N, C-alpha and C. Protein backbone atom coordinates (compact mmCIF):
# COMPACT_ATOMS: atom_id res chain seq x y z
N MET A 1 254.35 361.37 7.95
CA MET A 1 253.13 360.87 7.34
C MET A 1 252.74 359.55 8.00
N ALA A 2 251.47 359.40 8.32
CA ALA A 2 250.98 358.20 9.00
C ALA A 2 250.94 357.02 8.03
N THR A 3 251.31 355.87 8.55
CA THR A 3 251.21 354.67 7.73
C THR A 3 249.77 354.18 7.71
N ASP A 4 249.47 353.30 6.75
CA ASP A 4 248.12 352.73 6.68
C ASP A 4 247.77 352.03 7.98
N ASN A 5 248.75 351.35 8.60
CA ASN A 5 248.51 350.65 9.85
C ASN A 5 248.19 351.64 10.97
N THR A 6 248.89 352.76 11.00
CA THR A 6 248.64 353.78 12.02
C THR A 6 247.23 354.34 11.87
N VAL A 7 246.83 354.61 10.64
CA VAL A 7 245.49 355.14 10.39
C VAL A 7 244.45 354.13 10.83
N TRP A 8 244.69 352.86 10.55
CA TRP A 8 243.75 351.80 10.95
C TRP A 8 243.63 351.75 12.47
N ILE A 9 244.76 351.81 13.16
CA ILE A 9 244.75 351.76 14.62
C ILE A 9 244.05 352.99 15.18
N GLU A 10 244.32 354.15 14.64
CA GLU A 10 243.65 355.38 15.10
C GLU A 10 242.14 355.30 14.91
N THR A 11 241.71 354.73 13.79
CA THR A 11 240.28 354.56 13.52
C THR A 11 239.67 353.60 14.53
N ARG A 12 240.34 352.49 14.80
CA ARG A 12 239.85 351.52 15.79
C ARG A 12 239.78 352.16 17.17
N LEU A 13 240.79 352.96 17.51
CA LEU A 13 240.81 353.63 18.81
C LEU A 13 239.62 354.58 18.94
N GLU A 14 239.35 355.35 17.91
CA GLU A 14 238.22 356.27 17.94
C GLU A 14 236.90 355.52 18.10
N ARG A 15 236.74 354.44 17.36
CA ARG A 15 235.50 353.65 17.46
C ARG A 15 235.37 353.00 18.83
N THR A 16 236.48 352.54 19.37
CA THR A 16 236.46 351.92 20.70
C THR A 16 236.07 352.95 21.75
N GLU A 17 236.62 354.15 21.66
CA GLU A 17 236.28 355.19 22.63
C GLU A 17 234.82 355.61 22.51
N THR A 18 234.28 355.62 21.30
CA THR A 18 232.86 355.92 21.10
C THR A 18 232.00 354.84 21.76
N SER A 19 232.41 353.59 21.62
CA SER A 19 231.68 352.49 22.25
C SER A 19 231.76 352.56 23.76
N ILE A 20 232.92 352.94 24.29
CA ILE A 20 233.07 353.09 25.74
C ILE A 20 232.08 354.11 26.28
N VAL A 21 231.98 355.24 25.61
CA VAL A 21 231.04 356.29 26.05
C VAL A 21 229.61 355.76 26.01
N ALA A 22 229.25 355.04 24.95
CA ALA A 22 227.89 354.51 24.82
C ALA A 22 227.57 353.52 25.94
N VAL A 23 228.52 352.64 26.25
CA VAL A 23 228.30 351.65 27.31
C VAL A 23 228.24 352.34 28.67
N GLU A 24 229.11 353.32 28.90
CA GLU A 24 229.05 354.06 30.17
C GLU A 24 227.70 354.78 30.31
N ASP A 25 227.22 355.36 29.24
CA ASP A 25 225.91 356.04 29.28
C ASP A 25 224.80 355.06 29.63
N ALA A 26 224.86 353.86 29.05
CA ALA A 26 223.84 352.84 29.33
C ALA A 26 223.89 352.43 30.81
N ILE A 27 225.09 352.18 31.31
CA ILE A 27 225.24 351.79 32.71
C ILE A 27 224.72 352.89 33.62
N ASP A 28 225.12 354.13 33.34
CA ASP A 28 224.69 355.26 34.18
C ASP A 28 223.17 355.40 34.17
N ALA A 29 222.55 355.24 33.00
CA ALA A 29 221.09 355.37 32.91
C ALA A 29 220.39 354.28 33.70
N LEU A 30 220.86 353.05 33.58
CA LEU A 30 220.22 351.94 34.27
C LEU A 30 220.42 352.03 35.78
N VAL A 31 221.62 352.39 36.20
CA VAL A 31 221.89 352.56 37.63
C VAL A 31 221.08 353.73 38.17
N GLY A 32 220.87 354.74 37.33
CA GLY A 32 220.12 355.92 37.73
C GLY A 32 218.62 355.73 37.78
N GLY A 33 218.13 354.56 37.41
CA GLY A 33 216.71 354.27 37.56
C GLY A 33 215.96 353.94 36.29
N ALA A 34 216.60 354.08 35.14
CA ALA A 34 215.91 353.73 33.90
C ALA A 34 215.62 352.23 33.89
N GLN A 35 214.46 351.86 33.38
CA GLN A 35 214.09 350.44 33.29
C GLN A 35 214.74 349.78 32.06
N THR A 36 214.81 350.52 30.97
CA THR A 36 215.47 350.04 29.76
C THR A 36 216.26 351.19 29.16
N TYR A 37 217.22 350.84 28.32
CA TYR A 37 218.05 351.85 27.67
C TYR A 37 218.39 351.33 26.29
N SER A 38 218.34 352.19 25.30
CA SER A 38 218.71 351.82 23.94
C SER A 38 220.20 352.10 23.76
N LEU A 39 220.98 351.03 23.73
CA LEU A 39 222.43 351.13 23.59
C LEU A 39 222.79 351.16 22.11
N ASP A 40 223.30 352.29 21.67
CA ASP A 40 223.67 352.46 20.26
C ASP A 40 225.17 352.75 20.20
N THR A 41 225.94 351.76 19.76
CA THR A 41 227.39 351.92 19.70
C THR A 41 227.86 352.49 18.37
N GLY A 42 226.94 352.77 17.49
CA GLY A 42 227.30 353.23 16.16
C GLY A 42 227.42 352.08 15.18
N GLN A 43 227.58 350.89 15.70
CA GLN A 43 227.64 349.69 14.87
C GLN A 43 226.40 348.83 15.09
N THR A 44 225.92 348.81 16.31
CA THR A 44 224.72 348.03 16.64
C THR A 44 223.83 348.85 17.57
N ARG A 45 222.58 348.47 17.63
CA ARG A 45 221.64 349.10 18.55
C ARG A 45 220.86 347.97 19.23
N GLN A 46 220.81 348.04 20.55
CA GLN A 46 220.06 347.02 21.28
C GLN A 46 219.46 347.63 22.54
N SER A 47 218.40 347.05 22.99
CA SER A 47 217.74 347.48 24.21
C SER A 47 218.32 346.67 25.37
N VAL A 48 218.74 347.38 26.42
CA VAL A 48 219.31 346.70 27.59
C VAL A 48 218.50 347.08 28.83
N THR A 49 218.57 346.21 29.83
CA THR A 49 217.85 346.43 31.08
C THR A 49 218.83 346.23 32.24
N LYS A 50 218.33 346.42 33.46
CA LYS A 50 219.19 346.21 34.63
C LYS A 50 219.74 344.79 34.67
N ALA A 51 219.02 343.86 34.09
CA ALA A 51 219.50 342.48 34.05
C ALA A 51 220.79 342.36 33.25
N ASN A 52 221.09 343.34 32.41
CA ASN A 52 222.28 343.33 31.57
C ASN A 52 223.48 344.05 32.19
N LEU A 53 223.33 344.56 33.43
CA LEU A 53 224.41 345.36 34.02
C LEU A 53 225.74 344.62 34.11
N THR A 54 225.73 343.37 34.53
CA THR A 54 226.98 342.61 34.63
C THR A 54 227.61 342.46 33.25
N GLU A 55 226.81 342.14 32.27
CA GLU A 55 227.30 342.01 30.90
C GLU A 55 227.86 343.35 30.40
N LEU A 56 227.18 344.44 30.71
CA LEU A 56 227.64 345.76 30.28
C LEU A 56 228.96 346.12 30.95
N ARG A 57 229.08 345.82 32.23
CA ARG A 57 230.34 346.11 32.93
C ARG A 57 231.48 345.28 32.37
N ASN A 58 231.20 344.02 32.03
CA ASN A 58 232.24 343.18 31.41
C ASN A 58 232.63 343.73 30.04
N LEU A 59 231.64 344.17 29.28
CA LEU A 59 231.90 344.76 27.97
C LEU A 59 232.74 346.02 28.12
N LEU A 60 232.41 346.85 29.10
CA LEU A 60 233.17 348.07 29.35
C LEU A 60 234.64 347.74 29.65
N GLN A 61 234.86 346.74 30.49
CA GLN A 61 236.22 346.34 30.82
C GLN A 61 236.97 345.88 29.57
N THR A 62 236.31 345.09 28.74
CA THR A 62 236.92 344.60 27.50
C THR A 62 237.28 345.76 26.57
N LEU A 63 236.36 346.71 26.44
CA LEU A 63 236.62 347.88 25.58
C LEU A 63 237.77 348.72 26.12
N GLU A 64 237.82 348.89 27.44
CA GLU A 64 238.92 349.66 28.03
C GLU A 64 240.26 348.97 27.82
N GLU A 65 240.28 347.64 27.90
CA GLU A 65 241.50 346.89 27.65
C GLU A 65 241.92 347.02 26.19
N ARG A 66 240.93 346.97 25.28
CA ARG A 66 241.22 347.14 23.86
C ARG A 66 241.81 348.53 23.62
N ARG A 67 241.20 349.56 24.24
CA ARG A 67 241.70 350.93 24.08
C ARG A 67 243.16 351.03 24.53
N GLU A 68 243.49 350.42 25.65
CA GLU A 68 244.86 350.48 26.15
C GLU A 68 245.82 349.79 25.19
N GLY A 69 245.40 348.67 24.61
CA GLY A 69 246.24 347.99 23.63
C GLY A 69 246.47 348.83 22.39
N LEU A 70 245.43 349.48 21.91
CA LEU A 70 245.56 350.34 20.73
C LEU A 70 246.43 351.55 21.03
N ARG A 71 246.23 352.15 22.20
CA ARG A 71 247.05 353.30 22.59
C ARG A 71 248.52 352.89 22.68
N SER A 72 248.77 351.70 23.18
CA SER A 72 250.13 351.20 23.29
C SER A 72 250.75 351.04 21.90
N GLN A 73 249.98 350.52 20.95
CA GLN A 73 250.49 350.35 19.60
C GLN A 73 250.84 351.68 18.95
N LEU A 74 250.15 352.74 19.37
CA LEU A 74 250.43 354.06 18.82
C LEU A 74 251.50 354.80 19.62
N GLY A 75 251.99 354.16 20.68
CA GLY A 75 253.02 354.77 21.52
C GLY A 75 252.49 355.89 22.40
N LEU A 76 251.19 355.83 22.73
CA LEU A 76 250.57 356.88 23.52
C LEU A 76 250.63 356.62 25.01
N GLY A 77 251.13 355.49 25.41
CA GLY A 77 251.18 355.19 26.84
C GLY A 77 249.84 354.74 27.35
N SER A 78 249.77 354.59 28.63
CA SER A 78 248.58 354.02 29.26
C SER A 78 247.78 355.08 29.99
N ASN A 79 246.47 354.90 29.95
CA ASN A 79 245.57 355.74 30.74
C ASN A 79 245.16 355.02 32.02
N VAL A 80 245.64 353.81 32.22
CA VAL A 80 245.24 353.03 33.37
C VAL A 80 245.62 353.77 34.64
N GLY A 81 244.65 353.90 35.52
CA GLY A 81 244.90 354.56 36.78
C GLY A 81 244.67 356.05 36.75
N SER A 82 244.43 356.62 35.56
CA SER A 82 244.25 358.06 35.50
C SER A 82 242.85 358.49 35.89
N VAL A 83 241.90 357.56 35.79
CA VAL A 83 240.52 357.86 36.15
C VAL A 83 239.98 356.70 36.96
N THR A 84 239.32 357.01 38.05
CA THR A 84 238.68 355.98 38.85
C THR A 84 237.19 356.13 38.70
N ARG A 85 236.53 355.06 38.33
CA ARG A 85 235.09 355.08 38.15
C ARG A 85 234.48 354.17 39.19
N VAL A 86 233.55 354.69 39.97
CA VAL A 86 232.89 353.92 41.01
C VAL A 86 231.43 353.82 40.64
N VAL A 87 230.93 352.58 40.58
CA VAL A 87 229.53 352.35 40.29
C VAL A 87 228.95 351.42 41.34
N PRO A 88 227.69 351.62 41.70
CA PRO A 88 227.06 350.73 42.66
C PRO A 88 227.04 349.29 42.15
N GLY A 89 227.04 348.35 43.05
CA GLY A 89 227.07 346.95 42.67
C GLY A 89 225.71 346.30 42.53
N TYR A 90 224.68 347.06 42.22
CA TYR A 90 223.38 346.44 42.03
C TYR A 90 222.95 346.44 40.62
């Protein structure tokens, strides 16, 4: 049976992964030519533009680090290095 702490960590992990997908979608849309994108993480909604790409990439890195920490707390090991994502630098 899962402890309350385990359930909390699993919930945070799920929300973090949802946010990662939302941020990746925003980055992909903006790099793909969209002028603006409505970023909806499930907790907040904001309009982002190409001017926000650096901020979005930093946010993505932070979320990925959080995910790895949560996975580690659950004893799931690391996903680091399992996927390589290449995005243009503009």
